[in-house]
């Protein structure tokens, strides 16, 4: 006999219990207990949540409606955490129909495993922290895995023949993304940190090859190779840019890259490494390919901005599975390299984030991004979606104390949320709107603020200021 325990705020138990009872029908025996005045989060059975290929982790009960895998960025073949036997559920959302679906799926999974389940509902008035983050032998392990789909590939497949016929300056007429040459993002770092006479330059995830072409022109004495998983993109690039020192190779990134350790003097990548299923492993592989004195430049989106703008959806780890800064800093340190990090205004767009449908969020975000768009790079701030990482023995090591590099997600999230206090006025305005919109979309109960204060105590003042009154009035 197994037991699934649902802790529900007492004020919402009468409305949610019928949904729970319907979910249990024919699958479990529901038992509704008396209201308890207080629950201690440290007493709840937890998930040990990790991201495949990342050092980042978090420990918490299965907090509904967080810790979900039904977003398109995740491997859809992966069973969700709600199907696991072990963790207690803490219900902090008001959507009874969605809760019923999640709970029905959980109980059906247990029935298929031959488990007889008692569904125990515990109404509570208050909760108290802390929520210890040290792994516990009784925790239930859960690992997020990102999806492997390249969102550019369908456009390249469908438009390959037309791209082959058009000159580069007309590619944008095809209506596909990533047809701009962004090599200027790398200019300053290349001038300052690149080896004087590079022999081999790799463009990892080269796409249609514009950056690769510009590097071949800048370094005519080097062999420049663009590699990408798309045969179609490589074919278009090879035809468009027939330079003597330039070539393109379609590779399967699931296998080791076809280069020798220490062979590459410069490695660049633009908006590509987030597609690697194992971020930390891929970072280590690229650093292994670097020659002594080499330079690795990585321009892409960072998950930190997703955590910042998508809160509170980001409470239970990733929302969009971009790169985690802590993984790239750790891999560089293992390789004996220093790391610089800068924010890059290029590519900033409201549609990346959960509250994108709100003009009150999107307008100030895009106004601010447009005002900074012609600046190649800025000091790191989490409200910019894109970063430029420069890894080299000659780099100026970033002041890591100022960066959200903690491997525990809650500590990292607290630092990101608190950065709103030093944000420019437009970004502060956008963040407040974003958090309120996302909390409402999740249909969170007012008691969630008490949970935030317990698990994110360093951000308690900010969160109560932004969300306390708003959710209390929902």
Foldseek 3Di string as FASTA:
>chain_A
DAEAEEEEAQVQCVVQVVLVVVLCVPQAAEDEDDEDAEAEQQPWAWEFEEAFQALFTFIGAAEPPAQFQPDQFFDPVDDGPLQDGAGYYYYFFNPNNVVSVSSSNNSVSCVVVVDHYHYYYHHYNAYFDAHDGPDDPRHHYDYTWTDQDDPQQVLLVVCLVVLLVDALVCVVVSVGPDSDAPLVLCVVVCVPQADPQWAEEEEEQCFLPNPQLVVCVVRVNYQTEYEHQHPSSQVSNCSNRVDPRYHYYHDDVVDQDPAAFQRGQEYEYAAPLLSDRNNLVVLLSVLRNHHASHKYKYKHFEQLLQLQLAPPNCVRHGDNRGHHVLSNCVSLVVSVKAKDKWFALPPDALVVYDVSVDCQQRVLLVVVSVVCNPPSTHHDASNRGIMMMMIGNPDDHDPCVLALNDSHPLSSSLSNNVCLVVDPPSNVSNSLVSNLSNCVVSNGALSVLSVCCNHNVSCNVVCCVRPNVSRPVD
